[in-house]
């Protein structure tokens, strides 16, 4: 179960690097500006990983992993819900 989370994190950061040329063309921006955006994203991810580590120390690895996975799923599915289901 933990290896799946690591695989998804690796794929997530890898897709950003692969998409750089397309993002540069579609957003009409420079490569340097895109690299800064990705660095900010990676720093934010690192901070969240450290926070998640602290939570897993307090509540246990399995509980913290399941809780974070559930929050992530709801965050991704939320925008897909019809407006009546969100209120």
N, C-alpha and C. Protein backbone atom coordinates (compact mmCIF):
# COMPACT_ATOMS: atom_id res chain seq x y z
N UNK A 1 0.82 -1.17 0.00
CA UNK A 1 0.00 0.00 0.00
C UNK A 1 0.88 1.25 0.00
N UNK A 2 1.96 1.25 0.76
CA UNK A 2 2.83 2.42 0.82
C UNK A 2 3.58 2.62 -0.48
N UNK A 3 3.93 1.52 -1.14
CA UNK A 3 4.66 1.65 -2.40
C UNK A 3 3.80 2.28 -3.48
N UNK A 4 2.48 2.10 -3.43
CA UNK A 4 1.59 2.73 -4.39
C UNK A 4 1.63 4.25 -4.24
N UNK A 5 1.64 4.73 -3.03
CA UNK A 5 1.74 6.17 -2.78
C UNK A 5 3.05 6.74 -3.29
N UNK A 6 4.15 6.04 -3.09
CA UNK A 6 5.44 6.50 -3.59
C UNK A 6 5.46 6.51 -5.11
N UNK A 7 4.86 5.50 -5.73
CA UNK A 7 4.79 5.44 -7.19
C UNK A 7 4.00 6.62 -7.73
N UNK A 8 2.87 6.93 -7.11
CA UNK A 8 2.06 8.06 -7.58
C UNK A 8 2.78 9.39 -7.40
N UNK A 9 3.51 9.55 -6.32
CA UNK A 9 4.27 10.79 -6.12
C UNK A 9 5.36 10.94 -7.17
N UNK A 10 6.03 9.84 -7.49
CA UNK A 10 7.07 9.89 -8.51
C UNK A 10 6.49 10.19 -9.88
N UNK A 11 5.39 9.56 -10.21
CA UNK A 11 4.75 9.82 -11.50
C UNK A 11 4.28 11.27 -11.58
N UNK A 12 3.76 11.80 -10.48
CA UNK A 12 3.27 13.17 -10.46
C UNK A 12 4.38 14.17 -10.77
N UNK A 13 5.53 14.03 -10.13
CA UNK A 13 6.63 14.96 -10.39
C UNK A 13 7.25 14.70 -11.76
N UNK A 14 7.25 13.47 -12.21
CA UNK A 14 7.80 13.15 -13.52
C UNK A 14 6.98 13.72 -14.66
N UNK A 15 5.67 13.75 -14.51
CA UNK A 15 4.83 14.29 -15.57
C UNK A 15 5.02 15.79 -15.71
N UNK A 16 5.33 16.47 -14.63
CA UNK A 16 5.60 17.91 -14.73
C UNK A 16 6.83 18.18 -15.58
N UNK A 17 7.86 17.42 -15.39
CA UNK A 17 9.10 17.61 -16.15
C UNK A 17 8.86 17.30 -17.62
N UNK A 18 8.12 16.24 -17.90
CA UNK A 18 7.85 15.85 -19.29
C UNK A 18 6.99 16.90 -19.99
N UNK A 19 6.09 17.52 -19.26
CA UNK A 19 5.15 18.48 -19.86
C UNK A 19 5.73 19.88 -20.02
N UNK A 20 6.96 20.13 -19.57
CA UNK A 20 7.53 21.48 -19.63
C UNK A 20 7.50 22.11 -21.03
N UNK A 21 7.94 21.45 -22.08
CA UNK A 21 7.91 22.10 -23.40
C UNK A 21 6.50 22.48 -23.85
N UNK A 22 5.53 21.60 -23.60
CA UNK A 22 4.15 21.91 -23.98
C UNK A 22 3.60 23.07 -23.16
N UNK A 23 3.90 23.09 -21.88
CA UNK A 23 3.46 24.19 -21.03
C UNK A 23 4.08 25.51 -21.47
N UNK A 24 5.35 25.46 -21.84
CA UNK A 24 6.04 26.67 -22.29
C UNK A 24 5.37 27.24 -23.53
N UNK A 25 5.03 26.39 -24.47
CA UNK A 25 4.37 26.86 -25.70
C UNK A 25 2.96 27.35 -25.44
N UNK A 26 2.19 26.61 -24.68
CA UNK A 26 0.78 26.97 -24.49
C UNK A 26 0.59 28.19 -23.60
N UNK A 27 1.49 28.41 -22.65
CA UNK A 27 1.36 29.55 -21.75
C UNK A 27 2.16 30.77 -22.20
N UNK A 28 2.89 30.63 -23.31
CA UNK A 28 3.73 31.72 -23.83
C UNK A 28 4.63 32.30 -22.75
N UNK A 29 5.38 31.44 -22.11
CA UNK A 29 6.27 31.85 -21.04
C UNK A 29 7.65 31.26 -21.27
N UNK A 30 8.59 31.68 -20.47
CA UNK A 30 9.95 31.16 -20.63
C UNK A 30 10.14 29.89 -19.79
N UNK A 31 11.15 29.15 -20.15
CA UNK A 31 11.46 27.93 -19.42
C UNK A 31 11.87 28.25 -17.98
N UNK A 32 12.58 29.35 -17.79
CA UNK A 32 13.02 29.74 -16.45
C UNK A 32 11.82 29.99 -15.53
N UNK A 33 10.79 30.66 -16.04
CA UNK A 33 9.60 30.91 -15.21
C UNK A 33 8.90 29.61 -14.85
N UNK A 34 8.83 28.68 -15.78
CA UNK A 34 8.21 27.38 -15.50
C UNK A 34 9.01 26.60 -14.47
N UNK A 35 10.32 26.69 -14.54
CA UNK A 35 11.15 25.99 -13.56
C UNK A 35 10.90 26.54 -12.17
N UNK A 36 10.73 27.85 -12.05
CA UNK A 36 10.41 28.45 -10.75
C UNK A 36 9.07 27.94 -10.23
N UNK A 37 8.10 27.83 -11.09
CA UNK A 37 6.80 27.32 -10.67
C UNK A 37 6.93 25.88 -10.16
N UNK A 38 7.69 25.07 -10.87
CA UNK A 38 7.87 23.68 -10.46
C UNK A 38 8.65 23.60 -9.15
N UNK A 39 9.63 24.47 -8.96
CA UNK A 39 10.38 24.48 -7.70
C UNK A 39 9.47 24.84 -6.52
N UNK A 40 8.60 25.82 -6.72
CA UNK A 40 7.66 26.18 -5.65
C UNK A 40 6.74 25.00 -5.34
N UNK A 41 6.28 24.32 -6.39
CA UNK A 41 5.42 23.14 -6.21
C UNK A 41 6.16 22.06 -5.42
N UNK A 42 7.43 21.82 -5.77
CA UNK A 42 8.20 20.78 -5.08
C UNK A 42 8.47 21.16 -3.63
N UNK A 43 8.71 22.43 -3.36
CA UNK A 43 8.93 22.87 -1.97
C UNK A 43 7.64 22.68 -1.16
N UNK A 44 6.50 23.05 -1.75
CA UNK A 44 5.22 22.86 -1.06
C UNK A 44 4.97 21.38 -0.80
N UNK A 45 5.28 20.54 -1.77
CA UNK A 45 5.11 19.09 -1.58
C UNK A 45 6.00 18.58 -0.47
N UNK A 46 7.22 19.08 -0.41
CA UNK A 46 8.15 18.65 0.64
C UNK A 46 7.63 19.05 2.02
N UNK A 47 7.11 20.24 2.14
CA UNK A 47 6.56 20.69 3.42
C UNK A 47 5.40 19.80 3.83
N UNK A 48 4.55 19.44 2.87
CA UNK A 48 3.42 18.57 3.18
C UNK A 48 3.88 17.17 3.58
N UNK A 49 4.94 16.68 2.95
CA UNK A 49 5.46 15.36 3.31
C UNK A 49 6.01 15.38 4.74
N UNK A 50 6.71 16.45 5.09
CA UNK A 50 7.22 16.56 6.46
C UNK A 50 6.08 16.63 7.47
N UNK A 51 5.03 17.37 7.13
CA UNK A 51 3.86 17.45 8.01
C UNK A 51 3.18 16.10 8.13
N UNK A 52 3.08 15.39 7.02
CA UNK A 52 2.47 14.07 7.04
C UNK A 52 3.30 13.10 7.88
N UNK A 53 4.61 13.25 7.84
CA UNK A 53 5.48 12.42 8.68
C UNK A 53 5.23 12.65 10.15
N UNK A 54 5.04 13.90 10.50
CA UNK A 54 4.74 14.23 11.91
C UNK A 54 3.40 13.64 12.34
N UNK A 55 2.39 13.75 11.45
CA UNK A 55 1.08 13.16 11.77
C UNK A 55 1.17 11.64 11.89
N UNK A 56 1.98 11.02 11.04
CA UNK A 56 2.10 9.56 11.12
C UNK A 56 2.83 9.15 12.40
N UNK A 57 3.72 10.00 12.89
CA UNK A 57 4.35 9.70 14.18
C UNK A 57 3.34 9.76 15.31
N UNK A 58 2.39 10.68 15.21
CA UNK A 58 1.40 10.83 16.27
C UNK A 58 0.30 9.78 16.22
N UNK A 59 -0.21 9.50 15.01
CA UNK A 59 -1.39 8.63 14.89
C UNK A 59 -1.08 7.23 14.37
N UNK A 60 0.12 7.00 13.90
CA UNK A 60 0.47 5.72 13.30
C UNK A 60 0.49 5.85 11.78
N UNK A 61 1.39 5.08 11.17
CA UNK A 61 1.58 5.17 9.72
C UNK A 61 0.33 4.82 8.94
N UNK A 62 -0.29 3.72 9.31
CA UNK A 62 -1.44 3.25 8.54
C UNK A 62 -2.60 4.22 8.61
N UNK A 63 -2.93 4.71 9.80
CA UNK A 63 -4.03 5.67 9.94
C UNK A 63 -3.76 6.94 9.17
N UNK A 64 -2.54 7.46 9.26
CA UNK A 64 -2.19 8.70 8.56
C UNK A 64 -2.26 8.49 7.05
N UNK A 65 -1.79 7.36 6.56
CA UNK A 65 -1.81 7.08 5.12
C UNK A 65 -3.24 6.96 4.60
N UNK A 66 -4.07 6.24 5.32
CA UNK A 66 -5.46 6.07 4.90
C UNK A 66 -6.20 7.42 4.96
N UNK A 67 -5.94 8.21 5.98
CA UNK A 67 -6.59 9.51 6.12
C UNK A 67 -6.16 10.44 4.97
N UNK A 68 -4.87 10.49 4.67
CA UNK A 68 -4.38 11.35 3.58
C UNK A 68 -4.89 10.87 2.22
N UNK A 69 -4.93 9.57 2.03
CA UNK A 69 -5.43 9.02 0.77
C UNK A 69 -6.91 9.34 0.59
N UNK A 70 -7.68 9.24 1.66
CA UNK A 70 -9.10 9.56 1.59
C UNK A 70 -9.33 11.03 1.28
N UNK A 71 -8.57 11.90 1.94
CA UNK A 71 -8.70 13.34 1.68
C UNK A 71 -8.34 13.66 0.23
N UNK A 72 -7.33 13.01 -0.26
CA UNK A 72 -6.90 13.26 -1.64
C UNK A 72 -7.97 12.81 -2.62
N UNK A 73 -8.58 11.68 -2.36
CA UNK A 73 -9.64 11.20 -3.26
C UNK A 73 -10.83 12.14 -3.26
N UNK A 74 -11.26 12.59 -2.08
CA UNK A 74 -12.40 13.50 -2.01
C UNK A 74 -12.09 14.84 -2.66
N UNK A 75 -10.85 15.29 -2.53
CA UNK A 75 -10.45 16.54 -3.15
C UNK A 75 -10.51 16.43 -4.67
N UNK A 76 -10.14 15.28 -5.19
CA UNK A 76 -10.17 15.08 -6.64
C UNK A 76 -11.58 14.86 -7.17
N UNK A 77 -12.42 14.20 -6.39
CA UNK A 77 -13.78 13.91 -6.86
C UNK A 77 -14.74 15.06 -6.63
N UNK A 78 -14.43 15.96 -5.71
CA UNK A 78 -15.32 17.06 -5.37
C UNK A 78 -15.76 17.90 -6.56
N UNK A 79 -14.84 18.38 -7.41
CA UNK A 79 -15.26 19.21 -8.54
C UNK A 79 -16.14 18.47 -9.56
N UNK A 80 -16.09 17.14 -9.55
CA UNK A 80 -16.89 16.37 -10.51
C UNK A 80 -18.34 16.18 -10.07
N UNK A 81 -18.63 16.49 -8.82
CA UNK A 81 -19.99 16.32 -8.33
C UNK A 81 -20.90 17.41 -8.90
N UNK A 82 -22.16 17.08 -9.11
CA UNK A 82 -23.11 18.11 -9.56
C UNK A 82 -23.31 19.15 -8.46
N UNK A 83 -23.71 20.37 -8.82
CA UNK A 83 -23.85 21.44 -7.81
C UNK A 83 -24.81 21.09 -6.67
N UNK A 84 -25.84 20.33 -6.93
CA UNK A 84 -26.78 19.99 -5.86
C UNK A 84 -26.16 19.06 -4.82
N UNK A 85 -25.20 18.23 -5.24
CA UNK A 85 -24.58 17.31 -4.31
C UNK A 85 -23.52 17.99 -3.45
N UNK A 86 -23.00 19.13 -3.90
CA UNK A 86 -21.97 19.84 -3.15
C UNK A 86 -22.52 20.68 -2.02
N UNK A 87 -23.76 21.09 -2.10
CA UNK A 87 -24.30 21.99 -1.07
C UNK A 87 -25.03 21.24 0.02
